[in-house]
Amino acid sequence: MNLKNSLHVEVAQKRESRLCKDRIKDLVHSHLANYVCLTPGASITGPELEENIELQEHVHSITFCDVDHHTEVSATAVDLIYHVYKLDTFGVETDTMTDASTGEEFAAADVWSLPAQDFHGLWENLVYDTKLKEDTVRFVETALDFADRGVDPHIVSCNRVVLLHGPPGTGKTSLCRALAQKLAIRLGDRFPRARLVEINAHGLFSKWFAESGKLVARLFERVVEIVSDRRLLAVVLVDEVESLAAARRAAIAGLEPSDSIRAVNALLTQLDRLRRFPNVLVLTTSNVTGAIDVAFVDRADLKRLVGPPSARAAYQVLSGCCSELMARGVITQRERVFSLCVLESARFAESAGSRASVRLWGLAQEAAARGLSGRALRRLPVLATLQGRGMKAPDLLIFIEWLYAALHQYLEDATQLDDEHNQRPPPVVVTNGH
């Protein structure tokens, strides 16, 4: 009996490479035989592949990724599961539709072929304290396994619908895209093709006029065309799904034409229709939890809050930013950024080597206490450069002081913006032409 745990190894094969996947796996496996330990989340790229000429010629990167391992593991203590893939470089295709009542053409959905170059590395750079990423992967694997085994959905209900909710800037949409990319790689042997169909519910509702219900049906007819290929994995992302609730409530209150509620009902009906296809996953996001339609919430199997980063997550984000800037020569690399577990083992004691890291931990705590979003955290390094006034390649400690100044300026600007907003008179609402 094999008692070893598994470790997934994702291998990005170069587009121009013509080697078969099995040969790529053999090359990578031989190369990894030289490693004593493997670090989940780490990647082998560029210079690290130079010692193996054939590998460098055909492989772009090797990434160790698994939901069950968070610390370094012995290379002989795990079974390596290889996933070889090529990145699609053609980018997004916009699917347009025409409103029959007005003749106006509008963007209905963005369609990505997966795995996409645009999303490469996105999964690894998303940082959460909870097991959010792990749970979403396991949910999808379980849901697809149920479908494969023919589990009767009337007995065990599974809609394969995920709802991520929380304030703006917390990475909900990015996580959905990264999850779609991850699944396209992990399930590549089962689904040789994968598509991400990204629908902006808010944008669509702004275009729904007299033909609203028909427009929804037409949009999902195109989705059904895609998912009819059972060898293709389709991930449908509905952003800002709270727009459904707003339209439904407004229609019930008489503030919108009854056609709006028909559009909402049509969308819910089409989502139910997708349940028949075992190769479909529906991901949704909402910035306003309290506004989500009850009928939709009931359809979501997995509902997770995505909140602002804690101090621990903020430190990981900021340390990752600093490491990237040192690697690119923006910051002079004179000292390393220690991981949080190293700082904790030393009880955050300051030394010549750890001073910058301890100072960065203080910044992460302050940012978390002030509720900065992940998006705002990743913007701080750019704003920090404004503090240098033309100074090039500062050392890490100086750059962290710039980050402190950028944080305080960001908070001051946000306060002023809120004050200005609160002083404005409320807008005049005109409904039904009155």
Protein backbone atom coordinates (compact mmCIF):
# COMPACT_ATOMS: atom_id res chain seq x y z
CA MET A 1 0.00 0.00 0.00
CA ASN A 2 1.30 3.45 -0.94
CA LEU A 3 1.13 5.74 2.08
CA LYS A 4 2.85 8.72 0.47
CA ASN A 5 1.08 12.05 0.07
CA SER A 6 0.83 13.61 -3.37
CA LEU A 7 2.39 16.83 -4.56
CA HIS A 8 1.14 18.40 -7.77
CA VAL A 9 3.82 19.67 -10.16
CA GLU A 10 2.55 22.08 -12.81
CA VAL A 11 4.84 22.35 -15.84
CA ALA A 12 4.36 25.23 -18.29
CA GLN A 13 5.65 23.98 -21.65
CA LYS A 14 6.91 26.59 -24.09
CA ARG A 15 4.54 27.35 -26.98
CA GLU A 16 7.13 26.52 -29.62
CA SER A 17 8.01 23.15 -28.04
CA ARG A 18 6.91 20.09 -30.02
CA LEU A 19 7.79 17.45 -27.43
CA CYS A 20 4.97 15.20 -26.22
CA LYS A 21 3.75 15.58 -22.65
CA ASP A 22 5.25 12.27 -21.55
CA ARG A 23 8.71 13.36 -22.68
CA ILE A 24 8.31 16.65 -20.82
CA LYS A 25 7.32 14.74 -17.69
CA ASP A 26 10.38 12.52 -17.98
CA LEU A 27 12.69 15.53 -18.35
CA VAL A 28 11.18 17.27 -15.31
CA HIS A 29 11.19 14.11 -13.21
CA SER A 30 14.89 13.54 -13.94
CA HIS A 31 15.67 17.15 -13.05
CA LEU A 32 13.77 16.99 -9.74
CA ALA A 33 15.77 13.90 -8.75
CA ASN A 34 18.56 16.38 -7.91
CA TYR A 35 16.41 18.08 -5.24
CA VAL A 36 16.38 16.99 -1.61
CA CYS A 37 13.39 19.15 -0.65
CA LEU A 38 10.54 20.78 -2.56
CA THR A 39 8.68 23.93 -1.50
CA PRO A 40 4.94 24.15 -2.31
CA GLY A 41 4.17 27.47 -3.97
CA ALA A 42 7.72 27.84 -5.29
CA SER A 43 8.61 27.89 -8.98
CA ILE A 44 11.69 26.91 -10.95
CA THR A 45 12.23 29.28 -13.87
CA GLY A 46 14.83 30.82 -16.19
CA PRO A 47 18.33 30.71 -14.63
CA GLU A 48 17.47 27.70 -12.47
CA LEU A 49 16.84 25.64 -15.61
CA GLU A 50 20.06 26.64 -17.37
CA GLU A 51 21.99 23.60 -16.15
CA ASN A 52 19.62 21.38 -18.15
CA ILE A 53 19.78 22.56 -21.78
CA GLU A 54 16.94 20.36 -23.07
CA LEU A 55 14.68 21.33 -20.20
CA GLN A 56 15.40 25.03 -20.70
CA GLU A 57 14.60 24.70 -24.40
CA HIS A 58 11.13 23.22 -23.82
CA VAL A 59 9.96 24.34 -20.36
CA HIS A 60 9.01 27.83 -19.21
CA SER A 61 8.44 27.08 -15.52
CA ILE A 62 7.92 24.30 -12.97
CA THR A 63 5.62 25.07 -10.04
CA PHE A 64 4.98 22.97 -6.94
CA CYS A 65 1.40 23.45 -5.87
CA ASP A 66 -0.80 21.48 -3.55
CA VAL A 67 -3.53 22.27 -1.07
CA ASP A 68 -2.26 19.74 1.48
CA HIS A 69 1.28 21.07 1.88
CA HIS A 70 2.29 24.50 3.19
CA THR A 71 5.87 23.85 4.26
CA GLU A 72 8.91 22.32 2.62
CA VAL A 73 8.61 18.56 1.99
CA SER A 74 11.14 15.84 1.31
CA ALA A 75 11.29 14.95 -2.40
CA THR A 76 11.25 11.24 -1.53
CA ALA A 77 8.30 11.52 0.86
CA VAL A 78 5.72 12.50 -1.76
CA ASP A 79 4.37 11.13 -5.01
CA LEU A 80 4.73 13.74 -7.75
CA ILE A 81 1.70 14.25 -9.99
CA TYR A 82 2.63 16.11 -13.18
CA HIS A 83 0.42 18.48 -15.15
CA VAL A 84 1.96 19.65 -18.42
CA TYR A 85 0.26 22.53 -20.25
CA LYS A 86 0.81 25.31 -22.74
CA LEU A 87 -0.38 28.88 -22.12
CA ASP A 88 -2.80 30.47 -24.56
CA THR A 89 -1.40 33.83 -25.72
CA PHE A 90 -4.31 35.11 -27.82
CA GLY A 91 -5.95 36.99 -24.96
CA VAL A 92 -9.63 37.70 -24.44
CA GLU A 93 -12.37 37.59 -27.07
CA THR A 94 -15.37 39.85 -26.50
CA ASP A 95 -18.74 38.34 -27.32
CA THR A 96 -21.12 41.09 -28.46
CA MET A 97 -24.89 41.12 -28.82
CA THR A 98 -27.40 43.50 -30.37
CA ASP A 99 -30.51 44.82 -28.64
CA ALA A 100 -33.31 44.18 -31.16
CA SER A 101 -35.38 47.11 -29.86
CA THR A 102 -32.66 49.75 -30.22
CA GLY A 103 -30.15 48.20 -32.62
CA GLU A 104 -27.41 48.96 -30.09
CA GLU A 105 -24.50 46.53 -29.93
CA PHE A 106 -22.93 45.86 -26.53
CA ALA A 107 -20.38 43.56 -24.91
CA ALA A 108 -22.20 40.59 -23.40
CA ALA A 109 -19.27 38.48 -22.21
CA ASP A 110 -15.50 38.07 -22.33
CA VAL A 111 -14.27 34.61 -23.31
CA TRP A 112 -10.80 33.32 -22.43
CA SER A 113 -9.14 30.14 -23.65
CA LEU A 114 -7.44 28.48 -20.69
CA PRO A 115 -4.79 28.19 -19.41
CA ALA A 116 -4.19 31.84 -20.37
CA GLN A 117 -0.93 33.76 -20.31
CA ASP A 118 -2.79 36.66 -18.69
CA PHE A 119 -3.56 34.57 -15.60
CA HIS A 120 -0.19 32.83 -15.25
CA GLY A 121 1.03 33.04 -11.64
CA LEU A 122 -2.19 34.67 -10.40
CA TRP A 123 -3.13 31.77 -8.10
CA GLU A 124 0.22 31.79 -6.29
CA ASN A 125 0.06 35.55 -5.70
CA LEU A 126 -3.37 35.52 -4.03
CA VAL A 127 -2.92 35.46 -0.25
CA TYR A 128 -5.65 34.55 2.26
CA ASP A 129 -5.54 33.53 5.93
CA THR A 130 -8.38 31.07 5.53
CA LYS A 131 -8.43 27.90 3.42
CA LEU A 132 -10.41 29.76 0.77
CA LYS A 133 -8.32 28.59 -2.18
CA GLU A 134 -8.06 25.03 -0.89
CA ASP A 135 -11.81 24.77 -0.21
CA THR A 136 -12.83 26.03 -3.65
CA VAL A 137 -10.56 23.52 -5.40
CA ARG A 138 -11.82 20.66 -3.25
CA PHE A 139 -15.45 21.67 -3.81
CA VAL A 140 -15.04 21.57 -7.59
CA GLU A 141 -13.18 18.26 -7.49
CA THR A 142 -15.95 16.77 -5.33
CA ALA A 143 -18.74 18.18 -7.51
CA LEU A 144 -17.18 16.82 -10.70
CA ASP A 145 -16.56 13.45 -9.02
CA PHE A 146 -20.25 13.27 -8.08
CA ALA A 147 -21.16 14.00 -11.71
CA ASP A 148 -18.77 11.29 -12.95
CA ARG A 149 -20.29 8.74 -10.59
CA GLY A 150 -23.79 9.61 -11.75
CA VAL A 151 -24.99 10.78 -8.32
CA ASP A 152 -28.67 11.66 -8.70
CA PRO A 153 -28.93 15.50 -8.30
CA HIS A 154 -32.55 15.10 -7.15
CA ILE A 155 -31.30 13.14 -4.13
CA VAL A 156 -27.98 14.89 -3.47
CA SER A 157 -28.32 18.47 -4.66
CA CYS A 158 -25.27 20.09 -6.26
CA ASN A 159 -25.60 23.07 -8.59
CA ARG A 160 -21.81 23.59 -8.99
CA VAL A 161 -22.30 27.26 -8.09
CA VAL A 162 -19.86 29.25 -5.92
CA LEU A 163 -20.59 32.66 -4.41
CA LEU A 164 -17.73 34.88 -3.20
CA HIS A 165 -18.88 38.01 -1.40
CA GLY A 166 -17.19 40.87 0.41
CA PRO A 167 -16.01 44.48 0.01
CA PRO A 168 -14.39 45.73 -3.21
CA GLY A 169 -10.67 45.18 -3.72
CA THR A 170 -10.41 41.90 -1.82
CA GLY A 171 -9.60 39.78 -4.87
CA LYS A 172 -12.91 38.02 -5.53
CA THR A 173 -12.79 38.33 -9.32
CA SER A 174 -9.07 37.53 -9.37
CA LEU A 175 -9.69 34.39 -7.33
CA CYS A 176 -12.40 33.27 -9.76
CA ARG A 177 -10.06 33.74 -12.72
CA ALA A 178 -7.21 32.02 -10.91
CA LEU A 179 -9.49 29.10 -9.96
CA ALA A 180 -10.59 28.69 -13.57
CA GLN A 181 -6.93 28.65 -14.62
CA LYS A 182 -6.03 26.16 -11.89
CA LEU A 183 -8.82 23.79 -12.92
CA ALA A 184 -7.85 24.00 -16.60
CA ILE A 185 -4.33 22.86 -15.61
CA ARG A 186 -5.29 20.23 -13.02
CA LEU A 187 -8.02 18.70 -15.17
CA GLY A 188 -6.14 18.95 -18.45
CA ASP A 189 -6.09 15.19 -19.04
CA ARG A 190 -9.85 14.97 -18.58
CA PHE A 191 -10.72 18.24 -20.36
CA PRO A 192 -8.23 19.00 -23.18
CA ARG A 193 -9.97 22.33 -23.73
CA ALA A 194 -11.19 24.95 -21.24
CA ARG A 195 -12.98 28.30 -21.46
CA LEU A 196 -13.73 31.08 -19.00
CA VAL A 197 -16.92 32.98 -19.91
CA GLU A 198 -16.98 36.22 -17.90
CA ILE A 199 -20.35 37.96 -17.68
CA ASN A 200 -20.75 41.40 -16.09
CA ALA A 201 -24.25 41.33 -14.64
CA HIS A 202 -24.24 45.06 -13.90
CA GLY A 203 -23.26 45.95 -17.45
CA LEU A 204 -25.86 43.66 -18.95
CA PHE A 205 -28.69 45.01 -16.81
CA SER A 206 -27.87 48.54 -17.91
CA LYS A 207 -28.57 47.41 -21.49
CA TRP A 208 -31.69 45.35 -20.95
CA PHE A 209 -34.67 47.12 -22.37
CA ALA A 210 -37.88 45.67 -23.85
CA GLU A 211 -36.06 42.59 -25.13
CA SER A 212 -34.35 41.82 -21.82
CA GLY A 213 -35.59 38.27 -21.28
CA LYS A 214 -34.77 37.34 -24.87
CA LEU A 215 -31.28 38.82 -24.56
CA VAL A 216 -30.58 36.66 -21.52
CA ALA A 217 -31.77 33.56 -23.33
CA ARG A 218 -29.63 34.39 -26.37
CA LEU A 219 -26.56 34.94 -24.22
CA PHE A 220 -26.94 31.58 -22.52
CA GLU A 221 -27.63 29.84 -25.82
CA ARG A 222 -24.05 30.78 -26.69
CA VAL A 223 -22.87 29.41 -23.35
CA VAL A 224 -24.74 26.15 -24.02
CA GLU A 225 -23.03 25.93 -27.43
CA ILE A 226 -19.67 26.08 -25.65
CA VAL A 227 -20.52 23.51 -22.96
CA SER A 228 -22.06 21.08 -25.44
CA ASP A 229 -18.50 19.92 -26.07
CA ARG A 230 -18.17 17.44 -23.18
CA ARG A 231 -14.35 17.40 -23.58
CA LEU A 232 -14.31 21.10 -22.71
CA LEU A 233 -14.40 22.54 -19.19
CA ALA A 234 -16.50 25.71 -19.03
CA VAL A 235 -16.28 28.14 -16.13
CA VAL A 236 -18.98 30.82 -16.17
CA LEU A 237 -18.17 33.89 -14.05
CA VAL A 238 -21.00 36.28 -13.19
CA ASP A 239 -19.49 39.44 -11.69
CA GLU A 240 -21.51 41.80 -9.47
CA VAL A 241 -24.35 39.33 -9.13
CA GLU A 242 -26.06 41.70 -6.67
CA SER A 243 -27.36 43.50 -9.77
CA LEU A 244 -29.92 40.71 -9.99
CA ALA A 245 -31.39 41.64 -6.62
CA ALA A 246 -31.44 45.35 -7.39
CA ALA A 247 -33.39 44.80 -10.60
CA ARG A 248 -35.81 42.36 -8.99
CA ARG A 249 -36.61 44.61 -6.00
CA ALA A 250 -36.94 47.68 -8.20
CA ALA A 251 -39.38 45.84 -10.45
CA ILE A 252 -41.47 44.62 -7.52
CA ALA A 253 -41.56 48.16 -6.08
CA GLY A 254 -42.71 49.54 -9.42
CA LEU A 255 -39.53 51.52 -9.97
CA GLU A 256 -38.57 49.49 -13.03
CA PRO A 257 -40.67 47.92 -15.79
CA SER A 258 -41.86 44.39 -15.16
CA ASP A 259 -39.59 43.29 -17.98
CA SER A 260 -36.64 43.68 -15.59
CA ILE A 261 -37.93 40.96 -13.31
CA ARG A 262 -38.50 38.76 -16.36
CA ALA A 263 -34.81 39.27 -17.20
CA VAL A 264 -33.79 38.22 -13.68
CA ASN A 265 -36.04 35.18 -13.76
CA ALA A 266 -34.67 34.27 -17.19
CA LEU A 267 -31.13 34.38 -15.85
CA LEU A 268 -31.98 32.16 -12.89
CA THR A 269 -33.73 29.74 -15.23
CA GLN A 270 -30.66 29.59 -17.49
CA LEU A 271 -28.38 28.92 -14.51
CA ASP A 272 -30.64 26.03 -13.56
CA ARG A 273 -30.41 24.78 -17.13
CA LEU A 274 -26.62 24.55 -16.89
CA ARG A 275 -26.95 21.93 -14.15
CA ARG A 276 -27.55 19.33 -16.85
CA PHE A 277 -24.00 19.74 -18.10
CA PRO A 278 -21.37 17.98 -15.91
CA ASN A 279 -18.54 20.06 -17.38
CA VAL A 280 -19.76 23.46 -16.12
CA LEU A 281 -18.86 25.46 -13.02
CA VAL A 282 -20.56 28.77 -12.18
CA LEU A 283 -18.56 31.31 -10.14
CA THR A 284 -20.19 34.52 -8.90
CA THR A 285 -19.06 37.59 -6.96
CA SER A 286 -20.85 40.30 -5.00
CA ASN A 287 -19.63 43.51 -3.37
CA VAL A 288 -22.91 44.03 -1.46
CA THR A 289 -23.79 40.93 0.51
CA GLY A 290 -27.12 42.21 1.79
CA ALA A 291 -28.35 42.91 -1.75
CA ILE A 292 -27.90 39.42 -3.15
CA ASP A 293 -31.13 37.88 -4.41
CA VAL A 294 -32.43 35.21 -2.03
CA ALA A 295 -33.41 32.98 -4.94
CA PHE A 296 -29.84 33.10 -6.19
CA VAL A 297 -28.23 32.56 -2.77
CA ASP A 298 -30.30 29.40 -2.43
CA ARG A 299 -28.69 28.09 -5.64
CA ALA A 300 -25.12 28.61 -4.44
CA ASP A 301 -23.50 25.48 -2.98
CA LEU A 302 -20.42 27.21 -1.56
CA LYS A 303 -20.72 30.72 -0.12
CA ARG A 304 -17.57 32.37 1.22
CA LEU A 305 -16.75 35.81 2.57
CA VAL A 306 -13.61 37.39 1.12
CA GLY A 307 -12.58 40.13 3.53
CA PRO A 308 -9.64 42.57 3.77
CA PRO A 309 -6.25 40.98 4.51
CA SER A 310 -5.28 40.32 8.12
CA ALA A 311 -1.87 41.44 9.37
CA ARG A 312 -0.40 38.04 8.44
CA ALA A 313 -1.80 38.13 4.92
CA ALA A 314 -0.78 41.79 4.52
CA TYR A 315 2.79 40.88 5.48
CA GLN A 316 2.88 38.13 2.86
CA VAL A 317 1.60 40.53 0.21
CA LEU A 318 4.06 43.31 1.11
CA SER A 319 7.04 40.97 1.49
CA GLY A 320 6.22 39.48 -1.91
CA CYS A 321 6.14 42.99 -3.42
CA CYS A 322 9.52 43.86 -1.88
CA SER A 323 11.09 40.61 -3.06
CA GLU A 324 9.85 41.24 -6.59
CA LEU A 325 11.24 44.79 -6.60
CA MET A 326 14.60 43.56 -5.33
CA ALA A 327 14.68 40.90 -8.05
CA ARG A 328 14.01 43.62 -10.65
CA GLY A 329 16.63 46.03 -9.31
CA VAL A 330 14.15 48.66 -8.09
CA ILE A 331 15.40 48.04 -4.53
CA THR A 332 19.06 47.33 -3.79
CA GLN A 333 19.27 43.73 -2.60
CA ARG A 334 21.42 43.96 0.50
CA GLU A 335 19.26 41.91 2.83
CA ARG A 336 16.49 39.37 2.56
CA VAL A 337 12.88 39.59 3.65
CA PHE A 338 12.27 36.92 6.27
CA SER A 339 9.13 34.80 6.29
CA LEU A 340 6.68 35.40 9.08
CA CYS A 341 7.37 32.01 10.65
CA VAL A 342 11.07 32.91 10.94
CA LEU A 343 10.20 36.22 12.64
CA GLU A 344 7.80 34.43 14.99
CA SER A 345 10.42 31.84 15.94
CA ALA A 346 12.74 34.73 16.87
CA ARG A 347 9.86 36.46 18.71
CA PHE A 348 10.22 39.44 16.36
CA ALA A 349 13.56 40.33 17.94
CA GLU A 350 15.37 43.04 15.98
CA SER A 351 18.85 42.41 14.66
CA ALA A 352 20.97 43.86 11.90
CA GLY A 353 19.61 41.28 9.48
CA SER A 354 15.97 41.29 10.57
CA ARG A 355 15.42 45.02 11.16
CA ALA A 356 13.77 45.61 7.79
CA SER A 357 11.51 42.57 8.11
CA VAL A 358 10.39 43.53 11.63
CA ARG A 359 9.66 47.05 10.40
CA LEU A 360 7.65 45.62 7.51
CA TRP A 361 5.64 43.53 9.99
CA GLY A 362 4.71 46.73 11.81
CA LEU A 363 3.53 48.23 8.53
CA ALA A 364 1.41 45.14 7.81
CA GLN A 365 -0.21 45.40 11.24
CA GLU A 366 -1.06 49.06 10.72
CA ALA A 367 -2.45 48.42 7.22
CA ALA A 368 -4.64 45.58 8.51
CA ALA A 369 -5.89 47.67 11.43
CA ARG A 370 -6.96 50.38 8.97
CA GLY A 371 -8.76 47.85 6.78
CA LEU A 372 -6.71 48.23 3.60
CA SER A 373 -7.81 45.95 0.78
CA GLY A 374 -5.43 43.65 -1.04
CA ARG A 375 -5.70 45.90 -4.08
CA ALA A 376 -4.66 48.94 -2.03
CA LEU A 377 -1.76 47.03 -0.47
CA ARG A 378 -0.35 46.08 -3.86
CA ARG A 379 -0.60 49.71 -4.96
CA LEU A 380 1.53 51.02 -2.06
CA PRO A 381 4.93 50.13 -3.63
CA VAL A 382 4.12 52.31 -6.65
CA LEU A 383 3.02 55.20 -4.42
CA ALA A 384 6.11 54.69 -2.26
CA THR A 385 8.41 55.57 -5.14
CA LEU A 386 6.93 59.08 -5.08
CA GLN A 387 8.61 59.54 -1.70
CA GLY A 388 12.06 58.99 -3.22
CA ARG A 389 11.94 62.11 -5.41
CA GLY A 390 14.13 60.60 -8.10
CA MET A 391 16.37 58.53 -5.83
CA LYS A 392 17.22 55.24 -7.54
CA ALA A 393 17.44 51.76 -6.03
CA PRO A 394 17.17 52.51 -2.28
CA ASP A 395 17.98 49.76 0.17
CA LEU A 396 15.15 47.75 1.69
CA LEU A 397 14.94 49.63 4.99
CA ILE A 398 14.67 53.00 3.26
CA PHE A 399 12.02 51.67 0.88
CA ILE A 400 9.95 50.37 3.81
CA GLU A 401 10.02 53.90 5.29
CA TRP A 402 8.70 55.11 1.94
CA LEU A 403 5.95 52.49 2.22
CA TYR A 404 4.96 53.90 5.63
CA ALA A 405 4.74 57.40 4.13
CA ALA A 406 2.71 56.07 1.20
CA LEU A 407 0.31 54.31 3.57
CA HIS A 408 -0.29 57.46 5.61
CA GLN A 409 -0.80 59.54 2.46
CA TYR A 410 -3.22 56.95 1.10
CA LEU A 411 -5.25 57.02 4.32
CA GLU A 412 -5.30 60.84 4.33
CA ASP A 413 -6.48 60.94 0.71
CA ALA A 414 -9.19 58.37 1.43
CA THR A 415 -10.43 60.41 4.42
CA GLN A 416 -10.61 63.59 2.35
CA LEU A 417 -12.50 61.75 -0.39
CA ASP A 418 -15.02 60.42 2.14
CA ASP A 419 -15.48 63.88 3.65
CA GLU A 420 -16.13 65.39 0.23
CA HIS A 421 -18.61 62.63 -0.61
CA ASN A 422 -20.51 63.13 2.67
CA GLN A 423 -20.84 66.86 2.02
CA ARG A 424 -22.52 66.40 -1.35
CA PRO A 425 -26.31 66.78 -1.52
CA PRO A 426 -28.19 63.54 -2.21
CA PRO A 427 -28.93 62.91 -5.90
CA VAL A 428 -32.41 63.50 -7.28
CA VAL A 429 -33.90 60.17 -8.31
CA VAL A 430 -36.21 60.14 -11.33
CA THR A 431 -38.26 57.00 -11.88
CA ASN A 432 -40.76 55.98 -14.55
CA GLY A 433 -40.16 59.23 -16.41
CA HIS A 434 -41.47 61.44 -13.54
